[in-house]
C-alpha cells in the first residue's frame, strides 16, 4: 500500500515538473491579471487546437501493382529477388507499414540489379529490366507514402500535445536532422531500417513541428483577445500621474512582468525555430510527388499560421507602444 502511494506521489511530482505548458500558463496569467485590472467579468474561454490532419485515404498514392507470372517467378530462384517477391506476396507482406514498404522497395531495386548481373537468360533479363524501370519510377510515390501516411509523421505534424518550452528540451537540432534525413533519404545509397525507424520515432515522441504551430496558434488567439480588450478600454485608461486613475500603471506592470519577462523570451525562440525549420517545409511544398492536400495542410499550419502569429504580436505590441507614448511611460521602469 505504501509502495503504491509512493509511486502515485512520484507520478504527481513528475507531472508537476512538466514545463511543456509553461507558455500556456504565462498567457493565462497575463490575461487574468489584465482582466482583473480592466474589471472584466465574463472572459471567453479559448478553444485552441491544430487543424485536423488530412484523411490518410485521401493522401495515399495510387501505385499500380507489378505482376510477375508464376513461371517467371520460378526462374528467379537463384536470385535474392525470389525470396523478396515471396515475402511481399504473403498476407503479412501486403500489410506493410509505409517505412517497411519503402525499405522493401529499396531492397527490391538492389536485388533487381544483382539478379541482372547473375542472370544470362536473355528473356528473363529483358523482363528484369522492365520491372526494374517500373519500380524505379514508383519509388518516389512509395517515398511520398512514407512521408504522408506514417503514423510517426502524422503525430509530428498534427499532435495537439505540448507547447514550445524555449530551451534545449525542444530538440531543434534533432528535429532538423530527422526531417532532413527523411526528405533526402533517396540520396543515401546505403540506408538501414533501424536508422529510418529511429528518426521516425524521434519525430513521434518529440513532435516539434506540431508544438511550434500549436504554440503560434496559442499566442495568436490569446494576444488577439488581449488586444481586443485593451482597445475596447483604451478610452477609459487615463494616464497615471494625475492621481485619478492607477489602471495605466497597473497595466504597465502586468505587461512588464508577464509579457516582457515571461512570454516574449519564449516567443523569440519560436521565431528562431520557425526560421530554422521553414526551409524544410518550403521544400515539402515544392516536392512534385507529395499530395496537394498534404501540402495545403503544411502550408496552412506553417506559413499561414506564422503570418497570423506575427500579425497578432505586431498589433499587440503596437497598442503598448502607443499607450506608453501617450502616457509617457518607459517600459521596464516601475
Protein backbone atom coordinates (compact mmCIF):
# COMPACT_ATOMS: atom_id res chain seq x y z
CA UNK A 1 0.00 0.00 0.00
CA UNK A 2 2.80 2.38 0.95
CA UNK A 3 4.66 1.39 -2.18
CA UNK A 4 1.63 2.25 -4.37
CA UNK A 5 1.25 5.59 -2.57
CA UNK A 6 4.91 6.36 -3.20
CA UNK A 7 4.51 5.59 -6.92
CA UNK A 8 1.41 7.83 -7.10
CA UNK A 9 3.22 10.71 -5.38
CA UNK A 10 6.20 10.25 -7.68
CA UNK A 11 3.93 10.41 -10.75
CA UNK A 12 2.32 13.60 -9.43
CA UNK A 13 5.75 15.10 -8.85
CA UNK A 14 6.87 14.22 -12.39
CA UNK A 15 3.72 15.71 -13.93
CA UNK A 16 4.16 18.79 -11.76
CA UNK A 17 7.68 19.25 -13.13
CA UNK A 18 6.48 19.17 -16.74
CA UNK A 19 7.33 22.51 -18.33
CA UNK A 20 5.60 21.81 -21.64
CA UNK A 21 2.68 24.11 -20.73
CA UNK A 22 4.75 26.99 -19.36
CA UNK A 23 3.74 29.26 -22.24
CA UNK A 24 0.07 28.47 -21.74
CA UNK A 25 0.37 29.27 -18.02
CA UNK A 26 2.12 32.60 -18.70
CA UNK A 27 -0.51 33.63 -21.24
CA UNK A 28 -3.37 32.74 -18.93
CA UNK A 29 -1.78 34.65 -16.02
CA UNK A 30 -1.16 37.61 -18.30
CA UNK A 31 -4.80 37.71 -19.36
CA UNK A 32 -6.16 37.09 -15.86
CA UNK A 33 -4.16 39.97 -14.42
CA UNK A 34 -5.18 42.19 -17.31
CA UNK A 35 -8.84 41.23 -16.95
CA UNK A 36 -8.66 41.98 -13.24
CA UNK A 37 -7.29 45.47 -13.85
CA UNK A 38 -9.89 46.15 -16.55
CA UNK A 39 -12.72 44.73 -14.39
CA UNK A 40 -13.67 42.12 -16.97
CA UNK A 41 -16.00 39.52 -15.52
CA UNK A 42 -17.03 37.41 -18.50
CA UNK A 43 -13.92 36.10 -20.20
CA UNK A 44 -14.35 34.00 -23.32
CA UNK A 45 -12.70 30.61 -22.92
CA UNK A 46 -10.43 29.88 -25.84
CA UNK A 47 -10.53 26.56 -27.67
CA UNK A 48 -7.15 26.01 -29.31
CA UNK A 49 -6.17 23.06 -31.48
CA UNK A 50 -4.44 22.46 -34.78
CA UNK A 51 -6.46 21.74 -37.89
CA UNK A 52 -7.15 18.01 -38.32
CA UNK A 53 -4.63 16.04 -40.37
CA UNK A 54 -5.98 15.12 -43.83
CA UNK A 55 -7.62 11.66 -44.04
CA UNK A 56 -4.95 9.09 -44.94
CA UNK A 57 -7.11 7.57 -47.68
CA UNK A 58 -7.01 10.92 -49.48
CA UNK A 59 -3.21 11.10 -49.27
CA UNK A 60 -2.34 7.56 -50.34
CA UNK A 61 -0.59 7.31 -53.69
CA UNK A 62 -2.16 5.23 -56.46
CA UNK A 63 0.70 2.84 -57.18
CA UNK A 64 -0.13 0.16 -59.78
CA UNK A 65 0.75 -3.39 -58.76
CA UNK A 66 3.59 -5.09 -60.60
CA UNK A 67 2.56 -8.55 -61.79
CA UNK A 68 5.01 -11.44 -62.20
CA UNK A 69 3.82 -14.63 -63.89
CA UNK A 70 4.35 -17.83 -61.92
CA UNK A 71 6.74 -19.37 -64.44
CA UNK A 72 8.77 -16.13 -64.44
CA UNK A 73 8.81 -16.14 -60.66
CA UNK A 74 10.32 -19.65 -60.52
CA UNK A 75 13.10 -18.58 -62.84
CA UNK A 76 14.26 -16.17 -60.15
CA UNK A 77 15.12 -18.88 -57.62
CA UNK A 78 18.86 -18.34 -57.99
CA UNK A 79 18.41 -14.64 -57.10
CA UNK A 80 17.75 -12.91 -53.78
CA UNK A 81 14.85 -11.32 -55.63
CA UNK A 82 12.98 -14.64 -55.35
CA UNK A 83 12.71 -14.51 -51.54
CA UNK A 84 11.86 -10.80 -51.56
CA UNK A 85 8.98 -11.29 -54.00
CA UNK A 86 7.74 -14.28 -51.99
CA UNK A 87 7.82 -12.17 -48.83
CA UNK A 88 5.75 -9.41 -50.46
CA UNK A 89 3.11 -11.89 -51.59
CA UNK A 90 2.37 -13.12 -48.08
CA UNK A 91 -0.54 -11.61 -46.19
CA UNK A 92 1.94 -10.01 -43.81
CA UNK A 93 3.91 -8.51 -46.67
CA UNK A 94 0.77 -6.95 -48.09
CA UNK A 95 0.13 -5.10 -44.82
CA UNK A 96 3.50 -3.36 -44.64
CA UNK A 97 3.81 -0.05 -42.81
CA UNK A 98 4.97 2.86 -45.01
CA UNK A 99 8.53 2.74 -43.64
CA UNK A 100 8.80 -1.04 -44.10
CA UNK A 101 7.34 -0.73 -47.59
CA UNK A 102 9.91 1.91 -48.51
CA UNK A 103 12.78 -0.24 -47.22
CA UNK A 104 11.37 -3.22 -49.13
CA UNK A 105 11.22 -1.29 -52.40
CA UNK A 106 14.82 -0.13 -51.94
CA UNK A 107 15.93 -3.71 -51.30
CA UNK A 108 13.94 -4.82 -54.31
CA UNK A 109 15.79 -2.42 -56.62
CA UNK A 110 19.14 -3.64 -55.31
CA UNK A 111 18.01 -7.22 -55.84
CA UNK A 112 16.95 -6.46 -59.43
CA UNK A 113 20.40 -5.08 -60.17
CA UNK A 114 22.15 -8.08 -58.61
CA UNK A 115 19.88 -10.53 -60.45
CA UNK A 116 20.66 -8.82 -63.77
CA UNK A 117 24.33 -9.36 -63.09
CA UNK A 118 23.83 -13.05 -62.23
CA UNK A 119 21.36 -14.00 -64.99
CA UNK A 120 22.23 -14.98 -68.57
CA UNK A 121 18.69 -15.81 -69.69
CA UNK A 122 18.00 -13.15 -72.35
CA UNK A 123 14.21 -13.10 -71.99
CA UNK A 124 14.42 -13.01 -68.23
CA UNK A 125 16.92 -10.16 -68.38
CA UNK A 126 14.52 -8.17 -70.57
CA UNK A 127 11.75 -8.75 -68.03
CA UNK A 128 14.02 -7.81 -65.16
CA UNK A 129 14.93 -4.53 -66.86
CA UNK A 130 11.23 -3.68 -67.36
CA UNK A 131 10.41 -4.48 -63.72
CA UNK A 132 13.42 -2.53 -62.53
CA UNK A 133 12.41 0.51 -64.55
CA UNK A 134 8.84 0.32 -63.26
CA UNK A 135 9.97 0.06 -59.66
CA UNK A 136 12.44 2.91 -60.10
CA UNK A 137 9.65 5.15 -61.39
CA UNK A 138 7.37 4.14 -58.50
CA UNK A 139 9.90 4.69 -55.72
CA UNK A 140 9.15 8.45 -55.36
CA UNK A 141 5.48 7.58 -54.80
CA UNK A 142 6.42 4.99 -52.18
CA UNK A 143 8.55 7.69 -50.53
CA UNK A 144 5.56 10.07 -50.59
CA UNK A 145 3.51 7.46 -48.74
CA UNK A 146 6.31 7.21 -46.18
CA UNK A 147 6.11 10.98 -45.54
CA UNK A 148 2.33 11.37 -45.65
CA UNK A 149 0.99 8.12 -44.19
CA UNK A 150 3.46 7.24 -41.43
CA UNK A 151 1.78 7.47 -38.03
CA UNK A 152 5.01 8.93 -36.65
CA UNK A 153 5.00 11.88 -39.06
CA UNK A 154 1.26 12.39 -38.66
CA UNK A 155 1.92 12.75 -34.93
CA UNK A 156 4.91 15.01 -35.59
CA UNK A 157 2.82 17.35 -37.76
CA UNK A 158 -0.55 17.35 -36.00
CA UNK A 159 -0.23 16.36 -32.33
CA UNK A 160 -2.15 18.70 -30.02
CA UNK A 161 0.06 17.94 -27.02
CA UNK A 162 2.61 20.25 -25.50
CA UNK A 163 3.94 23.65 -26.45
CA UNK A 164 7.41 25.00 -27.15
CA UNK A 165 9.44 25.41 -23.96
CA UNK A 166 12.08 27.67 -25.48
CA UNK A 167 15.08 25.60 -24.42
CA UNK A 168 17.15 22.58 -25.48
CA UNK A 169 14.35 20.21 -24.49
CA UNK A 170 12.53 21.28 -27.66
CA UNK A 171 15.13 19.34 -29.67
CA UNK A 172 15.55 21.68 -32.64
CA UNK A 173 18.77 20.18 -33.99
CA UNK A 174 17.50 16.59 -33.65
CA UNK A 175 14.21 17.51 -35.36
CA UNK A 176 16.04 19.19 -38.25
CA UNK A 177 18.30 16.17 -38.61
CA UNK A 178 15.36 13.73 -38.66
CA UNK A 179 13.32 15.77 -41.16
CA UNK A 180 16.29 16.30 -43.48
CA UNK A 181 17.12 12.59 -43.34
CA UNK A 182 13.58 11.67 -44.39
CA UNK A 183 13.37 14.30 -47.12
CA UNK A 184 16.69 13.30 -48.69
CA UNK A 185 16.66 9.58 -47.97
CA UNK A 186 16.69 8.80 -51.70
CA UNK A 187 20.15 10.36 -51.91
CA UNK A 188 21.55 7.86 -49.40
CA UNK A 189 22.90 4.85 -51.24
CA UNK A 190 23.04 2.77 -48.07
CA UNK A 191 20.23 3.05 -45.52
CA UNK A 192 19.28 0.84 -42.61
CA UNK A 193 15.83 0.07 -41.28
CA UNK A 194 16.93 0.82 -37.72
CA UNK A 195 18.19 4.28 -38.69
CA UNK A 196 14.97 5.10 -40.54
CA UNK A 197 12.82 3.94 -37.64
CA UNK A 198 14.97 5.88 -35.19
CA UNK A 199 14.31 9.17 -37.00
CA UNK A 200 10.59 8.42 -37.29
CA UNK A 201 10.33 7.57 -33.61
CA UNK A 202 12.10 10.78 -32.62
CA UNK A 203 9.57 12.91 -34.50
CA UNK A 204 6.72 10.96 -32.97
CA UNK A 205 8.00 11.30 -29.41
CA UNK A 206 9.22 14.89 -29.89
CA UNK A 207 6.76 16.50 -32.34
CA UNK A 208 8.46 19.90 -32.58
CA UNK A 209 6.68 20.99 -35.81
CA UNK A 210 3.27 20.42 -34.19
CA UNK A 211 4.42 22.05 -30.94
CA UNK A 212 5.72 25.05 -32.86
CA UNK A 213 2.49 25.52 -34.82
CA UNK A 214 0.31 24.97 -31.75
CA UNK A 215 2.40 27.50 -29.80
CA UNK A 216 1.98 30.07 -32.55
CA UNK A 217 -1.75 29.45 -32.67
CA UNK A 218 -1.98 29.70 -28.87
CA UNK A 219 -0.13 33.01 -28.87
CA UNK A 220 -2.26 34.30 -31.75
CA UNK A 221 -5.57 33.60 -30.04
CA UNK A 222 -4.53 34.82 -26.59
CA UNK A 223 -2.90 38.01 -27.86
CA UNK A 224 -5.78 38.83 -30.23
CA UNK A 225 -8.17 38.53 -27.31
CA UNK A 226 -5.95 40.64 -25.04
CA UNK A 227 -5.52 43.33 -27.71
CA UNK A 228 -9.28 43.43 -28.24
CA UNK A 229 -9.83 44.00 -24.51
CA UNK A 230 -7.24 46.77 -24.39
CA UNK A 231 -8.62 48.56 -27.44
CA UNK A 232 -12.16 48.43 -26.03
CA UNK A 233 -10.99 50.00 -22.75
CA UNK A 234 -8.35 52.36 -24.14
CA UNK A 235 -10.65 55.39 -23.86
CA UNK A 236 -11.14 54.78 -20.13
CA UNK A 237 -7.42 54.35 -19.47
CA UNK A 238 -6.27 57.67 -18.07
CA UNK A 239 -2.54 58.09 -17.73
CA UNK A 240 -1.29 57.81 -14.18
CA UNK A 241 0.22 60.89 -12.65
CA UNK A 242 -2.99 62.90 -12.24
CA UNK A 243 -3.84 60.79 -9.21
CA UNK A 244 -7.27 59.85 -10.51
CA UNK A 245 -6.55 56.53 -12.14
CA UNK A 246 -3.95 53.90 -11.38
CA UNK A 247 -5.07 51.43 -14.07
CA UNK A 248 -2.44 52.59 -16.53
CA UNK A 249 0.29 51.96 -14.01
CA UNK A 250 -1.10 48.57 -13.03
CA UNK A 251 -1.43 47.50 -16.67
CA UNK A 252 2.10 48.65 -17.40
CA UNK A 253 3.34 46.45 -14.57
CA UNK A 254 1.35 43.47 -15.86
CA UNK A 255 2.80 43.97 -19.34
CA UNK A 256 6.35 44.15 -17.97
CA UNK A 257 6.02 41.24 -15.56
CA UNK A 258 4.29 38.76 -17.84
CA UNK A 259 4.66 39.74 -21.50
CA UNK A 260 8.18 41.18 -21.50
CA UNK A 261 9.76 38.96 -18.86
CA UNK A 262 7.99 35.63 -19.47
CA UNK A 263 6.15 35.46 -22.80
CA UNK A 264 8.49 37.34 -25.10
CA UNK A 265 11.58 35.16 -24.43
CA UNK A 266 9.65 32.05 -25.49
CA UNK A 267 8.22 33.92 -28.50
CA UNK A 268 11.77 34.81 -29.51
CA UNK A 269 12.67 31.12 -29.54
CA UNK A 270 9.53 30.36 -31.53
CA UNK A 271 10.72 32.80 -34.19
CA UNK A 272 14.14 31.13 -34.20
CA UNK A 273 12.61 27.66 -34.65
CA UNK A 274 10.39 28.95 -37.44
CA UNK A 275 13.29 30.37 -39.43
CA UNK A 276 15.33 27.20 -38.88
CA UNK A 277 12.59 24.79 -39.94
CA UNK A 278 10.94 26.87 -42.65
CA UNK A 279 13.37 25.83 -45.46
CA UNK A 280 12.42 22.20 -44.79
CA UNK A 281 8.71 22.94 -45.11
CA UNK A 282 9.30 25.08 -48.19
CA UNK A 283 10.99 22.06 -49.73
CA UNK A 284 7.97 19.93 -48.87
CA UNK A 285 5.65 22.45 -50.56
CA UNK A 286 7.60 22.25 -53.83
CA UNK A 287 8.02 18.48 -53.93
CA UNK A 288 6.20 17.09 -57.00
CA UNK A 289 5.27 13.72 -55.51
CA UNK A 290 3.51 14.87 -52.37
CA UNK A 291 -0.28 15.25 -52.30
CA UNK A 292 -1.81 18.73 -52.76
CA UNK A 293 -3.91 18.15 -49.65
CA UNK A 294 -0.82 17.33 -47.62
CA UNK A 295 0.92 20.44 -48.93
CA UNK A 296 -2.15 22.53 -48.12
CA UNK A 297 -2.07 21.26 -44.54
CA UNK A 298 1.64 22.05 -44.18
CA UNK A 299 1.23 25.50 -45.74
CA UNK A 300 -1.76 26.40 -43.57
CA UNK A 301 -0.03 25.25 -40.40
CA UNK A 302 3.39 26.65 -41.19
CA UNK A 303 3.21 29.72 -43.41
CA UNK A 304 -0.31 30.99 -42.74
CA UNK A 305 -0.09 30.14 -39.05
CA UNK A 306 3.18 32.04 -38.69
CA UNK A 307 1.81 35.07 -40.55
CA UNK A 308 -1.26 35.17 -38.27
CA UNK A 309 1.01 34.91 -35.24
CA UNK A 310 3.23 37.75 -36.48
CA UNK A 311 0.21 40.00 -37.06
CA UNK A 312 -1.13 39.24 -33.57
CA UNK A 313 2.24 40.07 -32.00
CA UNK A 314 2.63 43.27 -34.03
CA UNK A 315 -0.85 44.54 -33.19
CA UNK A 316 -0.42 43.76 -29.51
CA UNK A 317 2.98 45.45 -29.27
CA UNK A 318 1.70 48.41 -31.31
CA UNK A 319 -1.03 49.02 -28.76
CA UNK A 320 1.50 49.12 -25.94
CA UNK A 321 3.86 51.38 -27.87
CA UNK A 322 1.03 53.85 -28.49
CA UNK A 323 -0.10 53.55 -24.89
CA UNK A 324 3.37 54.17 -23.47
CA UNK A 325 3.89 57.13 -25.77
CA UNK A 326 0.57 58.68 -24.80
CA UNK A 327 1.20 58.20 -21.10
CA UNK A 328 4.92 58.95 -21.28
CA UNK A 329 5.77 55.58 -19.71
CA UNK A 330 9.17 53.99 -20.25
CA UNK A 331 8.90 50.17 -20.46
CA UNK A 332 10.93 48.41 -17.83
CA UNK A 333 10.65 51.31 -15.40
CA UNK A 334 8.38 50.54 -12.48
